[in-house]
Amino acid sequence: MADIKTLNDNFRKTFSGGKVMLTCGINAKSQNEVAEILSQVRCFNNFTKAKDPYGEHDFGSFDYNGEKIYWKIDYYDKDYQFYSADPSNPEVTKRVMTVMLASEY
């Protein structure tokens, strides 16, 4: 099976192979701000042992204009109804990344 970290990195960088969900707090921002935030998500590379203990690159956070932004990848079945039984298998897994303000967590 594929490496979960690689699958997550590919999804995060391309937004292909799943869905990207924006919370109300992110959607309330201007179109330019949303574009900048999503660009930072795509370019994110500040993974640490403390914040990424399993090395799966499924969560990140950064500051944007004085606000903390979180992004998180979850794993679902092909119909987005249940959690995936095997996140390392792209044949049975769709990824969902939620981008949110830390205050919305």
N, C-alpha and C. Protein backbone atom coordinates (compact mmCIF):
# COMPACT_ATOMS: atom_id res chain seq x y z
N MET A 1 0.83 -1.19 0.00
CA MET A 1 0.00 0.00 0.00
C MET A 1 0.88 1.26 0.00
N ALA A 2 0.26 2.35 -0.33
CA ALA A 2 0.97 3.62 -0.39
C ALA A 2 1.24 4.14 1.02
N ASP A 3 2.19 5.02 1.10
CA ASP A 3 2.57 5.66 2.34
C ASP A 3 1.54 6.77 2.66
N ILE A 4 0.94 6.75 3.84
CA ILE A 4 -0.08 7.73 4.21
C ILE A 4 0.48 9.15 4.12
N LYS A 5 1.71 9.35 4.57
CA LYS A 5 2.33 10.67 4.50
C LYS A 5 2.38 11.18 3.06
N THR A 6 2.79 10.34 2.14
CA THR A 6 2.88 10.73 0.74
C THR A 6 1.51 11.04 0.17
N LEU A 7 0.52 10.20 0.47
CA LEU A 7 -0.84 10.45 0.01
C LEU A 7 -1.37 11.77 0.57
N ASN A 8 -1.12 12.04 1.85
CA ASN A 8 -1.58 13.28 2.46
C ASN A 8 -0.87 14.49 1.86
N ASP A 9 0.43 14.38 1.66
CA ASP A 9 1.17 15.49 1.05
C ASP A 9 0.67 15.78 -0.36
N ASN A 10 0.46 14.74 -1.14
CA ASN A 10 -0.03 14.94 -2.51
C ASN A 10 -1.41 15.61 -2.50
N PHE A 11 -2.29 15.14 -1.64
CA PHE A 11 -3.62 15.74 -1.55
C PHE A 11 -3.53 17.19 -1.10
N ARG A 12 -2.76 17.44 -0.06
CA ARG A 12 -2.65 18.81 0.47
C ARG A 12 -2.07 19.77 -0.57
N LYS A 13 -1.12 19.32 -1.34
CA LYS A 13 -0.47 20.19 -2.32
C LYS A 13 -1.30 20.41 -3.58
N THR A 14 -2.15 19.46 -3.91
CA THR A 14 -2.91 19.54 -5.18
C THR A 14 -4.41 19.69 -4.99
N PHE A 15 -4.92 19.35 -3.80
CA PHE A 15 -6.36 19.31 -3.50
C PHE A 15 -7.07 18.32 -4.41
N SER A 16 -6.37 17.34 -4.92
CA SER A 16 -6.93 16.33 -5.80
C SER A 16 -7.03 15.00 -5.06
N GLY A 17 -8.17 14.31 -5.20
CA GLY A 17 -8.35 13.03 -4.54
C GLY A 17 -9.21 13.08 -3.30
N GLY A 18 -9.90 14.19 -3.13
CA GLY A 18 -10.75 14.33 -1.96
C GLY A 18 -11.48 15.66 -1.99
N LYS A 19 -11.88 16.12 -0.82
CA LYS A 19 -12.61 17.38 -0.69
C LYS A 19 -11.88 18.31 0.26
N VAL A 20 -11.97 19.59 -0.01
CA VAL A 20 -11.44 20.61 0.89
C VAL A 20 -12.63 21.39 1.43
N MET A 21 -12.76 21.40 2.73
CA MET A 21 -13.86 22.07 3.40
C MET A 21 -13.33 23.31 4.13
N LEU A 22 -14.02 24.42 3.98
CA LEU A 22 -13.65 25.66 4.66
C LEU A 22 -14.73 25.97 5.68
N THR A 23 -14.32 26.30 6.89
CA THR A 23 -15.29 26.64 7.92
C THR A 23 -15.86 28.03 7.69
N CYS A 24 -16.87 28.38 8.45
CA CYS A 24 -17.51 29.70 8.33
C CYS A 24 -16.50 30.83 8.53
N GLY A 25 -15.61 30.66 9.48
CA GLY A 25 -14.62 31.69 9.76
C GLY A 25 -13.68 31.93 8.59
N ILE A 26 -13.30 30.89 7.89
CA ILE A 26 -12.45 31.02 6.70
C ILE A 26 -13.28 31.61 5.56
N ASN A 27 -14.49 31.10 5.36
CA ASN A 27 -15.34 31.59 4.28
C ASN A 27 -15.73 33.06 4.45
N ALA A 28 -15.69 33.59 5.66
CA ALA A 28 -16.04 34.98 5.91
C ALA A 28 -14.95 35.94 5.45
N LYS A 29 -13.80 35.41 5.16
CA LYS A 29 -12.68 36.25 4.71
C LYS A 29 -12.84 36.61 3.24
N SER A 30 -12.06 37.58 2.81
CA SER A 30 -12.12 37.98 1.41
C SER A 30 -11.58 36.87 0.52
N GLN A 31 -11.91 36.94 -0.75
CA GLN A 31 -11.44 35.95 -1.71
C GLN A 31 -9.92 35.91 -1.75
N ASN A 32 -9.28 37.06 -1.67
CA ASN A 32 -7.81 37.11 -1.68
C ASN A 32 -7.22 36.47 -0.43
N GLU A 33 -7.86 36.72 0.72
CA GLU A 33 -7.37 36.12 1.96
C GLU A 33 -7.51 34.60 1.93
N VAL A 34 -8.64 34.10 1.44
CA VAL A 34 -8.85 32.65 1.33
C VAL A 34 -7.78 32.06 0.41
N ALA A 35 -7.52 32.72 -0.70
CA ALA A 35 -6.51 32.23 -1.63
C ALA A 35 -5.13 32.19 -0.97
N GLU A 36 -4.79 33.19 -0.18
CA GLU A 36 -3.50 33.22 0.52
C GLU A 36 -3.42 32.10 1.55
N ILE A 37 -4.51 31.89 2.30
CA ILE A 37 -4.54 30.82 3.31
C ILE A 37 -4.36 29.46 2.64
N LEU A 38 -5.09 29.22 1.56
CA LEU A 38 -4.97 27.93 0.86
C LEU A 38 -3.58 27.75 0.27
N SER A 39 -2.97 28.82 -0.17
CA SER A 39 -1.59 28.74 -0.66
C SER A 39 -0.65 28.33 0.46
N GLN A 40 -0.86 28.88 1.65
CA GLN A 40 -0.01 28.50 2.79
C GLN A 40 -0.24 27.05 3.19
N VAL A 41 -1.47 26.58 3.08
CA VAL A 41 -1.75 25.16 3.35
C VAL A 41 -0.96 24.29 2.37
N ARG A 42 -1.04 24.64 1.10
CA ARG A 42 -0.35 23.86 0.06
C ARG A 42 1.16 23.82 0.28
N CYS A 43 1.72 24.93 0.74
CA CYS A 43 3.17 25.05 0.90
C CYS A 43 3.65 24.64 2.29
N PHE A 44 2.74 24.30 3.17
CA PHE A 44 3.09 24.00 4.56
C PHE A 44 4.13 22.87 4.63
N ASN A 45 5.16 23.09 5.44
CA ASN A 45 6.19 22.05 5.60
C ASN A 45 6.80 22.10 7.00
N ASN A 46 6.08 22.64 7.96
CA ASN A 46 6.59 22.79 9.33
C ASN A 46 6.09 21.65 10.21
N PHE A 47 6.40 20.42 9.81
CA PHE A 47 5.99 19.25 10.57
C PHE A 47 7.03 18.97 11.65
N THR A 48 6.55 18.83 12.88
CA THR A 48 7.45 18.53 13.99
C THR A 48 6.99 17.23 14.65
N LYS A 49 7.89 16.62 15.39
CA LYS A 49 7.55 15.38 16.10
C LYS A 49 6.40 15.61 17.08
N ALA A 50 6.38 16.78 17.71
CA ALA A 50 5.32 17.08 18.69
C ALA A 50 3.96 17.22 18.03
N LYS A 51 3.90 17.85 16.84
CA LYS A 51 2.63 18.08 16.18
C LYS A 51 2.27 17.01 15.16
N ASP A 52 3.24 16.16 14.82
CA ASP A 52 3.01 15.10 13.83
C ASP A 52 3.67 13.81 14.34
N PRO A 53 3.19 13.30 15.49
CA PRO A 53 3.89 12.17 16.14
C PRO A 53 3.91 10.89 15.31
N TYR A 54 2.95 10.70 14.41
CA TYR A 54 2.91 9.48 13.61
C TYR A 54 3.51 9.67 12.22
N GLY A 55 3.95 10.89 11.92
CA GLY A 55 4.60 11.17 10.65
C GLY A 55 3.67 11.05 9.46
N GLU A 56 2.38 11.33 9.66
CA GLU A 56 1.40 11.18 8.57
C GLU A 56 1.08 12.48 7.85
N HIS A 57 1.59 13.60 8.36
CA HIS A 57 1.34 14.91 7.74
C HIS A 57 -0.16 15.15 7.54
N ASP A 58 -0.93 14.89 8.60
CA ASP A 58 -2.39 15.04 8.52
C ASP A 58 -2.92 16.26 9.26
N PHE A 59 -2.04 17.08 9.83
CA PHE A 59 -2.45 18.27 10.56
C PHE A 59 -1.35 19.31 10.47
N GLY A 60 -1.78 20.56 10.41
CA GLY A 60 -0.82 21.66 10.45
C GLY A 60 -1.48 22.92 10.98
N SER A 61 -0.65 23.84 11.42
CA SER A 61 -1.15 25.13 11.88
C SER A 61 -0.13 26.21 11.53
N PHE A 62 -0.64 27.41 11.32
CA PHE A 62 0.23 28.54 11.02
C PHE A 62 -0.52 29.82 11.38
N ASP A 63 0.22 30.90 11.50
CA ASP A 63 -0.37 32.20 11.78
C ASP A 63 -0.64 32.93 10.47
N TYR A 64 -1.79 33.56 10.43
CA TYR A 64 -2.16 34.37 9.27
C TYR A 64 -2.80 35.66 9.78
N ASN A 65 -2.15 36.77 9.55
CA ASN A 65 -2.65 38.09 9.97
C ASN A 65 -3.13 38.09 11.42
N GLY A 66 -2.34 37.51 12.30
CA GLY A 66 -2.65 37.52 13.72
C GLY A 66 -3.62 36.46 14.19
N GLU A 67 -4.05 35.59 13.28
CA GLU A 67 -4.95 34.50 13.66
C GLU A 67 -4.26 33.16 13.41
N LYS A 68 -4.55 32.21 14.26
CA LYS A 68 -4.02 30.85 14.08
C LYS A 68 -4.97 30.10 13.16
N ILE A 69 -4.40 29.49 12.12
CA ILE A 69 -5.15 28.69 11.16
C ILE A 69 -4.76 27.23 11.35
N TYR A 70 -5.75 26.34 11.38
CA TYR A 70 -5.52 24.90 11.43
C TYR A 70 -6.01 24.27 10.13
N TRP A 71 -5.36 23.19 9.73
CA TRP A 71 -5.90 22.33 8.69
C TRP A 71 -5.72 20.89 9.16
N LYS A 72 -6.69 20.05 8.82
CA LYS A 72 -6.71 18.66 9.29
C LYS A 72 -7.25 17.77 8.20
N ILE A 73 -6.57 16.64 7.95
CA ILE A 73 -7.03 15.67 6.96
C ILE A 73 -7.63 14.47 7.68
N ASP A 74 -8.83 14.09 7.27
CA ASP A 74 -9.50 12.88 7.76
C ASP A 74 -9.72 11.93 6.60
N TYR A 75 -9.95 10.66 6.91
CA TYR A 75 -10.03 9.61 5.90
C TYR A 75 -11.42 8.98 5.89
N TYR A 76 -12.05 8.97 4.72
CA TYR A 76 -13.39 8.42 4.59
C TYR A 76 -13.43 7.34 3.50
N ASP A 77 -14.51 6.58 3.53
CA ASP A 77 -14.72 5.60 2.46
C ASP A 77 -15.05 6.35 1.17
N LYS A 78 -15.19 5.63 0.07
CA LYS A 78 -15.39 6.24 -1.24
C LYS A 78 -16.69 7.05 -1.33
N ASP A 79 -17.67 6.75 -0.46
CA ASP A 79 -18.95 7.46 -0.47
C ASP A 79 -19.02 8.58 0.57
N TYR A 80 -17.91 8.81 1.28
CA TYR A 80 -17.84 9.84 2.32
C TYR A 80 -18.87 9.63 3.44
N GLN A 81 -19.20 8.37 3.72
CA GLN A 81 -20.18 8.09 4.77
C GLN A 81 -19.54 7.59 6.05
N PHE A 82 -18.46 6.84 5.94
CA PHE A 82 -17.81 6.24 7.10
C PHE A 82 -16.31 6.50 7.02
N TYR A 83 -15.65 6.33 8.15
CA TYR A 83 -14.20 6.43 8.12
C TYR A 83 -13.63 5.29 7.30
N SER A 84 -12.53 5.54 6.65
CA SER A 84 -11.88 4.53 5.82
C SER A 84 -11.29 3.43 6.69
N ALA A 85 -11.42 2.22 6.21
CA ALA A 85 -10.82 1.08 6.91
C ALA A 85 -9.32 1.02 6.70
N ASP A 86 -8.82 1.68 5.62
CA ASP A 86 -7.40 1.62 5.30
C ASP A 86 -6.95 2.91 4.61
N PRO A 87 -6.57 3.94 5.40
CA PRO A 87 -6.15 5.21 4.81
C PRO A 87 -4.94 5.12 3.87
N SER A 88 -4.21 4.02 3.93
CA SER A 88 -3.05 3.87 3.04
C SER A 88 -3.45 3.34 1.67
N ASN A 89 -4.73 3.00 1.49
CA ASN A 89 -5.20 2.44 0.22
C ASN A 89 -6.10 3.46 -0.49
N PRO A 90 -5.58 4.13 -1.52
CA PRO A 90 -6.40 5.13 -2.23
C PRO A 90 -7.58 4.53 -2.99
N GLU A 91 -7.61 3.22 -3.15
CA GLU A 91 -8.75 2.57 -3.82
C GLU A 91 -9.99 2.55 -2.94
N VAL A 92 -9.81 2.65 -1.62
CA VAL A 92 -10.95 2.61 -0.70
C VAL A 92 -11.07 3.87 0.16
N THR A 93 -10.23 4.87 -0.11
CA THR A 93 -10.16 6.04 0.76
C THR A 93 -10.28 7.34 -0.03
N LYS A 94 -11.11 8.23 0.50
CA LYS A 94 -11.16 9.61 0.04
C LYS A 94 -10.75 10.48 1.22
N ARG A 95 -9.99 11.51 0.94
CA ARG A 95 -9.52 12.41 1.98
C ARG A 95 -10.41 13.65 2.04
N VAL A 96 -10.58 14.15 3.26
CA VAL A 96 -11.29 15.41 3.48
C VAL A 96 -10.38 16.28 4.33
N MET A 97 -10.05 17.44 3.80
CA MET A 97 -9.24 18.39 4.56
C MET A 97 -10.12 19.55 4.97
N THR A 98 -10.13 19.83 6.26
CA THR A 98 -10.86 20.96 6.80
C THR A 98 -9.87 22.06 7.15
N VAL A 99 -10.12 23.26 6.65
CA VAL A 99 -9.30 24.42 6.96
C VAL A 99 -10.15 25.33 7.83
N MET A 100 -9.61 25.72 9.00
CA MET A 100 -10.41 26.43 9.99
C MET A 100 -9.59 27.41 10.79
N LEU A 101 -10.27 28.33 11.42
CA LEU A 101 -9.64 29.17 12.42
C LEU A 101 -9.47 28.32 13.68
N ALA A 102 -8.38 28.51 14.39
CA ALA A 102 -8.17 27.74 15.62
C ALA A 102 -9.33 27.95 16.60
N SER A 103 -9.90 29.14 16.59
CA SER A 103 -11.02 29.44 17.49
C SER A 103 -12.28 28.65 17.17
N GLU A 104 -12.32 28.04 15.97
CA GLU A 104 -13.47 27.22 15.59
C GLU A 104 -13.29 25.76 15.92
N TYR A 105 -12.12 25.38 16.41
CA TYR A 105 -11.83 23.98 16.68
C TYR A 105 -12.57 23.50 17.91
